[in-house]
PDB file of N, CA and C in Angstrom:
ATOM      1  N   THR A   1       6.112   5.339   1.808  1.00  0.00           N
ATOM      2  CA  THR A   1       5.279   4.717   2.626  1.00  0.00           C
ATOM      3  C   THR A   1       3.772   4.524   1.955  1.00  0.00           C
ATOM      4  N   ILE A   2       3.248   3.440   1.990  1.00  0.00           N
ATOM      5  CA  ILE A   2       1.878   3.239   1.392  1.00  0.00           C
ATOM      6  C   ILE A   2       0.961   3.115   2.433  1.00  0.00           C
ATOM      7  N   GLU A   3      -0.118   3.587   2.437  1.00  0.00           N
ATOM      8  CA  GLU A   3      -1.259   3.506   3.447  1.00  0.00           C
ATOM      9  C   GLU A   3      -2.566   3.137   2.640  1.00  0.00           C
ATOM     10  N   PHE A   4      -3.291   2.234   3.244  1.00  0.00           N
ATOM     11  CA  PHE A   4      -4.526   1.791   2.716  1.00  0.00           C
ATOM     12  C   PHE A   4      -5.422   1.494   3.832  1.00  0.00           C
ATOM     13  N   GLU A   5      -6.709   1.601   3.624  1.00  0.00           N
ATOM     14  CA  GLU A   5      -7.911   1.453   4.497  1.00  0.00           C
ATOM     15  C   GLU A   5      -8.562   0.161   4.216  1.00  0.00           C
ATOM     16  N   ARG A   6      -8.936  -0.587   5.268  1.00  0.00           N
ATOM     17  CA  ARG A   6      -9.818  -1.796   5.177  1.00  0.00           C
ATOM     18  C   ARG A   6     -10.774  -1.768   6.329  1.00  0.00           C
ATOM     19  N   THR A   7     -11.792  -2.639   6.147  1.00  0.00           N
ATOM     20  CA  THR A   7     -12.719  -2.760   7.062  1.00  0.00           C
ATOM     21  C   THR A   7     -12.598  -3.954   7.999  1.00  0.00           C
ATOM     22  N   LYS A   8     -12.799  -4.068   9.128  1.00  0.00           N
ATOM     23  CA  LYS A   8     -12.429  -5.115  10.136  1.00  0.00           C
ATOM     24  C   LYS A   8     -13.703  -5.458  10.824  1.00  0.00           C
ATOM     25  N   LEU A   9     -14.284  -6.697  10.854  1.00  0.00           N
ATOM     26  CA  LEU A   9     -15.404  -7.114  11.645  1.00  0.00           C
ATOM     27  C   LEU A   9     -15.076  -7.200  13.081  1.00  0.00           C
ATOM     28  N   ILE A  10     -15.738  -6.628  14.005  1.00  0.00           N
ATOM     29  CA  ILE A  10     -15.770  -6.990  15.505  1.00  0.00           C
ATOM     30  C   ILE A  10     -16.835  -7.749  15.761  1.00  0.00           C
ATOM     31  N   SER A  11     -16.511  -9.006  15.897  1.00  0.00           N
ATOM     32  CA  SER A  11     -17.673  -9.969  16.091  1.00  0.00           C
ATOM     33  C   SER A  11     -18.483  -9.741  17.431  1.00  0.00           C
ATOM     34  N   LYS A  12     -17.815  -9.388  18.490  1.00  0.00           N
ATOM     35  CA  LYS A  12     -18.543  -9.073  19.665  1.00  0.00           C
ATOM     36  C   LYS A  12     -19.610  -8.169  19.663  1.00  0.00           C
ATOM     37  N   TYR A  13     -19.398  -7.062  18.827  1.00  0.00           N
ATOM     38  CA  TYR A  13     -20.369  -5.959  18.717  1.00  0.00           C
ATOM     39  C   TYR A  13     -21.154  -6.055  17.488  1.00  0.00           C
ATOM     40  N   GLU A  14     -20.807  -6.969  16.548  1.00  0.00           N
ATOM     41  CA  GLU A  14     -21.476  -7.206  15.231  1.00  0.00           C
ATOM     42  C   GLU A  14     -21.404  -5.826  14.478  1.00  0.00           C
ATOM     43  N   ARG A  15     -20.083  -5.107  14.478  1.00  0.00           N
ATOM     44  CA  ARG A  15     -20.007  -3.911  13.806  1.00  0.00           C
ATOM     45  C   ARG A  15     -18.540  -3.961  12.930  1.00  0.00           C
ATOM     46  N   TYR A  16     -18.536  -3.059  11.971  1.00  0.00           N
ATOM     47  CA  TYR A  16     -17.287  -2.921  11.419  1.00  0.00           C
ATOM     48  C   TYR A  16     -16.505  -1.690  11.764  1.00  0.00           C
ATOM     49  N   ILE A  17     -15.232  -1.605  11.557  1.00  0.00           N
ATOM     50  CA  ILE A  17     -14.450  -0.668  12.037  1.00  0.00           C
ATOM     51  C   ILE A  17     -13.481  -0.536  10.822  1.00  0.00           C
ATOM     52  N   LYS A  18     -13.063   0.787  10.416  1.00  0.00           N
ATOM     53  CA  LYS A  18     -11.969   1.102   9.488  1.00  0.00           C
ATOM     54  C   LYS A  18     -10.810   1.191  10.220  1.00  0.00           C
ATOM     55  N   THR A  19      -9.748   0.393   9.551  1.00  0.00           N
ATOM     56  CA  THR A  19      -8.392   0.493  10.291  1.00  0.00           C
ATOM     57  C   THR A  19      -7.472   0.949   9.068  1.00  0.00           C
ATOM     58  N   LYS A  20      -6.370   1.614   9.232  1.00  0.00           N
ATOM     59  CA  LYS A  20      -5.458   1.992   8.202  1.00  0.00           C
ATOM     60  C   LYS A  20      -4.164   1.127   8.521  1.00  0.00           C
ATOM     61  N   THR A  21      -3.615   0.718   7.354  1.00  0.00           N
ATOM     62  CA  THR A  21      -2.312  -0.061   7.324  1.00  0.00           C
ATOM     63  C   THR A  21      -1.303   0.780   6.690  1.00  0.00           C
ATOM     64  N   LYS A  22      -0.108   0.833   7.268  1.00  0.00           N
ATOM     65  CA  LYS A  22       1.033   1.408   6.472  1.00  0.00           C
ATOM     66  C   LYS A  22       2.024   0.420   6.412  1.00  0.00           C
ATOM     67  N   MET A  23       2.788   0.591   5.099  1.00  0.00           N
ATOM     68  CA  MET A  23       3.837  -0.366   4.928  1.00  0.00           C
ATOM     69  C   MET A  23       4.931   0.430   3.990  1.00  0.00           C
ATOM     70  N   HIS A  24       6.088   0.083   4.265  1.00  0.00           N
ATOM     71  CA  HIS A  24       7.090   0.726   3.482  1.00  0.00           C
ATOM     72  C   HIS A  24       7.453  -0.056   2.313  1.00  0.00           C
ATOM     73  N   ALA A  25       7.879   0.628   1.151  1.00  0.00           N
ATOM     74  CA  ALA A  25       8.104  -0.119  -0.036  1.00  0.00           C
ATOM     75  C   ALA A  25       9.202   0.761  -0.789  1.00  0.00           C
ATOM     76  N   ARG A  26      10.159   0.022  -1.440  1.00  0.00           N
ATOM     77  CA  ARG A  26      11.150   0.692  -2.206  1.00  0.00           C
ATOM     78  C   ARG A  26      10.546   1.075  -3.525  1.00  0.00           C
ATOM     79  N   LEU A  27      10.871   2.311  -3.835  1.00  0.00           N
ATOM     80  CA  LEU A  27      10.402   2.781  -5.397  1.00  0.00           C
ATOM     81  C   LEU A  27      11.614   2.942  -6.218  1.00  0.00           C
ATOM     82  N   PRO A  28      11.625   1.971  -7.222  1.00  0.00           N
ATOM     83  CA  PRO A  28      12.589   2.046  -8.303  1.00  0.00           C
ATOM     84  C   PRO A  28      12.639   3.351  -8.982  1.00  0.00           C
ATOM     85  N   SER A  29      13.761   3.788  -9.519  1.00  0.00           N
ATOM     86  CA  SER A  29      13.979   5.123 -10.217  1.00  0.00           C
ATOM     87  C   SER A  29      13.241   5.020 -11.587  1.00  0.00           C
ATOM     88  N   GLU A  30      12.944   3.943 -12.155  1.00  0.00           N
ATOM     89  CA  GLU A  30      12.252   3.777 -13.367  1.00  0.00           C
ATOM     90  C   GLU A  30      10.782   4.046 -13.450  1.00  0.00           C
ATOM     91  N   ILE A  31      10.114   4.014 -12.351  1.00  0.00           N
ATOM     92  CA  ILE A  31       8.657   4.176 -11.953  1.00  0.00           C
ATOM     93  C   ILE A  31       8.393   5.488 -11.532  1.00  0.00           C
ATOM     94  N   ASP A  32       7.658   6.288 -12.263  1.00  0.00           N
ATOM     95  CA  ASP A  32       7.215   7.708 -11.971  1.00  0.00           C
ATOM     96  C   ASP A  32       5.998   7.631 -11.126  1.00  0.00           C
ATOM     97  N   VAL A  33       5.857   7.839  -9.805  1.00  0.00           N
ATOM     98  CA  VAL A  33       4.679   7.912  -9.122  1.00  0.00           C
ATOM     99  C   VAL A  33       4.380   9.090  -8.277  1.00  0.00           C
ATOM    100  N   GLU A  34       3.312   9.585  -8.169  1.00  0.00           N
ATOM    101  CA  GLU A  34       2.905  10.828  -7.324  1.00  0.00           C
ATOM    102  C   GLU A  34       2.120  10.256  -6.179  1.00  0.00           C
ATOM    103  N   VAL A  35       1.797  11.113  -5.253  1.00  0.00           N
ATOM    104  CA  VAL A  35       0.868  10.980  -4.127  1.00  0.00           C
ATOM    105  C   VAL A  35      -0.440  10.713  -4.647  1.00  0.00           C
ATOM    106  N   GLY A  36      -1.047   9.720  -4.145  1.00  0.00           N
ATOM    107  CA  GLY A  36      -2.412   9.279  -4.677  1.00  0.00           C
ATOM    108  C   GLY A  36      -2.627   8.307  -5.656  1.00  0.00           C
ATOM    109  N   ASP A  37      -1.564   7.992  -6.320  1.00  0.00           N
ATOM    110  CA  ASP A  37      -1.617   7.021  -7.523  1.00  0.00           C
ATOM    111  C   ASP A  37      -1.839   5.669  -6.988  1.00  0.00           C
ATOM    112  N   TYR A  38      -2.502   4.748  -7.684  1.00  0.00           N
ATOM    113  CA  TYR A  38      -2.637   3.424  -7.439  1.00  0.00           C
ATOM    114  C   TYR A  38      -1.520   2.513  -7.794  1.00  0.00           C
ATOM    115  N   ILE A  39      -0.885   1.813  -7.019  1.00  0.00           N
ATOM    116  CA  ILE A  39       0.279   1.023  -7.475  1.00  0.00           C
ATOM    117  C   ILE A  39       0.121  -0.659  -7.009  1.00  0.00           C
ATOM    118  N   GLN A  40       0.983  -1.316  -7.747  1.00  0.00           N
ATOM    119  CA  GLN A  40       1.047  -2.715  -7.222  1.00  0.00           C
ATOM    120  C   GLN A  40       2.326  -2.868  -6.543  1.00  0.00           C
ATOM    121  N   VAL A  41       2.238  -3.616  -5.393  1.00  0.00           N
ATOM    122  CA  VAL A  41       3.330  -3.884  -4.495  1.00  0.00           C
ATOM    123  C   VAL A  41       3.603  -5.073  -4.404  1.00  0.00           C
ATOM    124  N   GLN A  42       4.842  -5.761  -4.370  1.00  0.00           N
ATOM    125  CA  GLN A  42       5.159  -7.080  -4.145  1.00  0.00           C
ATOM    126  C   GLN A  42       6.189  -7.272  -3.004  1.00  0.00           C
ATOM    127  N   GLU A  43       6.037  -8.362  -2.241  1.00  0.00           N
ATOM    128  CA  GLU A  43       6.855  -8.740  -1.110  1.00  0.00           C
ATOM    129  C   GLU A  43       8.298  -9.096  -1.790  1.00  0.00           C
ATOM    130  N   CYS A  44       9.157  -8.953  -0.949  1.00  0.00           N
ATOM    131  CA  CYS A  44      10.613  -9.303  -1.566  1.00  0.00           C
ATOM    132  C   CYS A  44      11.434  -9.610  -0.216  1.00  0.00           C
ATOM    133  N   ARG A  45      12.786  -9.866  -0.553  1.00  0.00           N
ATOM    134  CA  ARG A  45      13.568 -10.130   0.650  1.00  0.00           C
ATOM    135  C   ARG A  45      13.890  -8.905   1.386  1.00  0.00           C
ATOM    136  N   PRO A  46      14.165  -8.961   2.565  1.00  0.00           N
ATOM    137  CA  PRO A  46      14.478  -7.748   3.439  1.00  0.00           C
ATOM    138  C   PRO A  46      15.533  -7.015   2.838  1.00  0.00           C
ATOM    139  N   LEU A  47      15.178  -5.616   2.529  1.00  0.00           N
ATOM    140  CA  LEU A  47      16.195  -4.764   1.849  1.00  0.00           C
ATOM    141  C   LEU A  47      16.806  -3.874   3.088  1.00  0.00           C
ATOM    142  N   SER A  48      16.234  -3.708   4.023  1.00  0.00           N
ATOM    143  CA  SER A  48      16.685  -2.972   5.133  1.00  0.00           C
ATOM    144  C   SER A  48      15.821  -3.296   6.426  1.00  0.00           C
ATOM    145  N   LYS A  49      15.848  -2.545   7.443  1.00  0.00           N
ATOM    146  CA  LYS A  49      15.154  -3.030   8.673  1.00  0.00           C
ATOM    147  C   LYS A  49      13.600  -2.914   8.616  1.00  0.00           C
ATOM    148  N   ILE A  50      13.143  -2.019   7.772  1.00  0.00           N
ATOM    149  CA  ILE A  50      11.738  -1.830   7.558  1.00  0.00           C
ATOM    150  C   ILE A  50      11.304  -2.110   6.031  1.00  0.00           C
ATOM    151  N   LEU A  51      12.186  -2.176   5.086  1.00  0.00           N
ATOM    152  CA  LEU A  51      11.719  -2.349   3.780  1.00  0.00           C
ATOM    153  C   LEU A  51      11.755  -3.860   3.402  1.00  0.00           C
ATOM    154  N   HIS A  52      10.527  -4.428   3.081  1.00  0.00           N
ATOM    155  CA  HIS A  52      10.217  -5.683   2.693  1.00  0.00           C
ATOM    156  C   HIS A  52       9.308  -5.860   1.505  1.00  0.00           C
ATOM    157  N   HIS A  53       9.152  -4.766   0.845  1.00  0.00           N
ATOM    158  CA  HIS A  53       8.195  -4.614  -0.325  1.00  0.00           C
ATOM    159  C   HIS A  53       8.890  -3.736  -1.453  1.00  0.00           C
ATOM    160  N   VAL A  54       8.576  -3.960  -2.693  1.00  0.00           N
ATOM    161  CA  VAL A  54       8.962  -3.126  -3.729  1.00  0.00           C
ATOM    162  C   VAL A  54       7.793  -2.796  -4.626  1.00  0.00           C
ATOM    163  N   VAL A  55       7.898  -1.715  -5.231  1.00  0.00           N
ATOM    164  CA  VAL A  55       6.773  -1.158  -6.169  1.00  0.00           C
ATOM    165  C   VAL A  55       7.091  -1.903  -7.385  1.00  0.00           C
ATOM    166  N   VAL A  56       6.033  -2.534  -7.894  1.00  0.00           N
ATOM    167  CA  VAL A  56       6.282  -3.401  -9.228  1.00  0.00           C
ATOM    168  C   VAL A  56       5.724  -2.470 -10.338  1.00  0.00           C
ATOM    169  N   LYS A  57       4.518  -1.898 -10.313  1.00  0.00           N
ATOM    170  CA  LYS A  57       4.073  -1.108 -11.338  1.00  0.00           C
ATOM    171  C   LYS A  57       2.965   0.060 -10.939  1.00  0.00           C
ATOM    172  N   LYS A  58       2.883   1.001 -11.785  1.00  0.00           N
ATOM    173  CA  LYS A  58       1.749   1.985 -11.487  1.00  0.00           C
ATOM    174  C   LYS A  58       0.380   1.372 -12.211  1.00  0.00           C
ATOM    175  N   ILE A  59      -0.664   1.306 -11.443  1.00  0.00           N
ATOM    176  CA  ILE A  59      -1.956   0.838 -12.041  1.00  0.00           C
ATOM    177  C   ILE A  59      -2.652   1.977 -12.689  1.00  0.00           C
ATOM    178  N   ARG A  60      -2.848   2.968 -12.013  1.00  0.00           N
ATOM    179  CA  ARG A  60      -3.477   4.265 -12.674  1.00  0.00           C
ATOM    180  C   ARG A  60      -3.100   5.413 -11.774  1.00  0.00           C
ATOM    181  N   GLY A  61      -3.479   6.599 -12.219  1.00  0.00           N
ATOM    182  CA  GLY A  61      -3.177   7.831 -11.454  1.00  0.00           C
ATOM    183  C   GLY A  61      -4.260   8.046 -10.540  1.00  0.00           C
ATOM    184  N   ARG A  62      -4.181   9.227  -9.844  1.00  0.00           N
ATOM    185  CA  ARG A  62      -5.358   9.385  -8.714  1.00  0.00           C
ATOM    186  C   ARG A  62      -6.530   9.976  -9.515  1.00  0.00           C
ATOM    187  N   ASP A  63      -6.314  10.765 -10.759  1.00  0.00           N
ATOM    188  CA  ASP A  63      -7.417  11.514 -11.460  1.00  0.00           C
ATOM    189  C   ASP A  63      -8.108  10.518 -12.398  1.00  0.00           C
ATOM    190  N   GLU A  64      -7.440   9.381 -12.797  1.00  0.00           N
ATOM    191  CA  GLU A  64      -8.094   8.401 -13.789  1.00  0.00           C
ATOM    192  C   GLU A  64      -9.182   7.588 -13.000  1.00  0.00           C
ATOM    193  N   LYS A  65      -9.973   7.043 -13.892  1.00  0.00           N
ATOM    194  CA  LYS A  65     -11.071   6.245 -13.049  1.00  0.00           C
ATOM    195  C   LYS A  65     -10.942   4.856 -13.964  1.00  0.00           C
TER     196      LYS A  65
END
């Protein structure tokens, strides 16, 4: 499960709100990923009821800048 935050504009109140989005992605066995790492995800054909994305590559670890 991948979770990321984004800001969304509420035009009625002219304010921003933070929203979290969760998506499920398949992790191939060749890619070594830990919690907090930055990864690239690509949409693919439906693999199951909730899996519609696959992890393509690891961009950087959580400690790297």
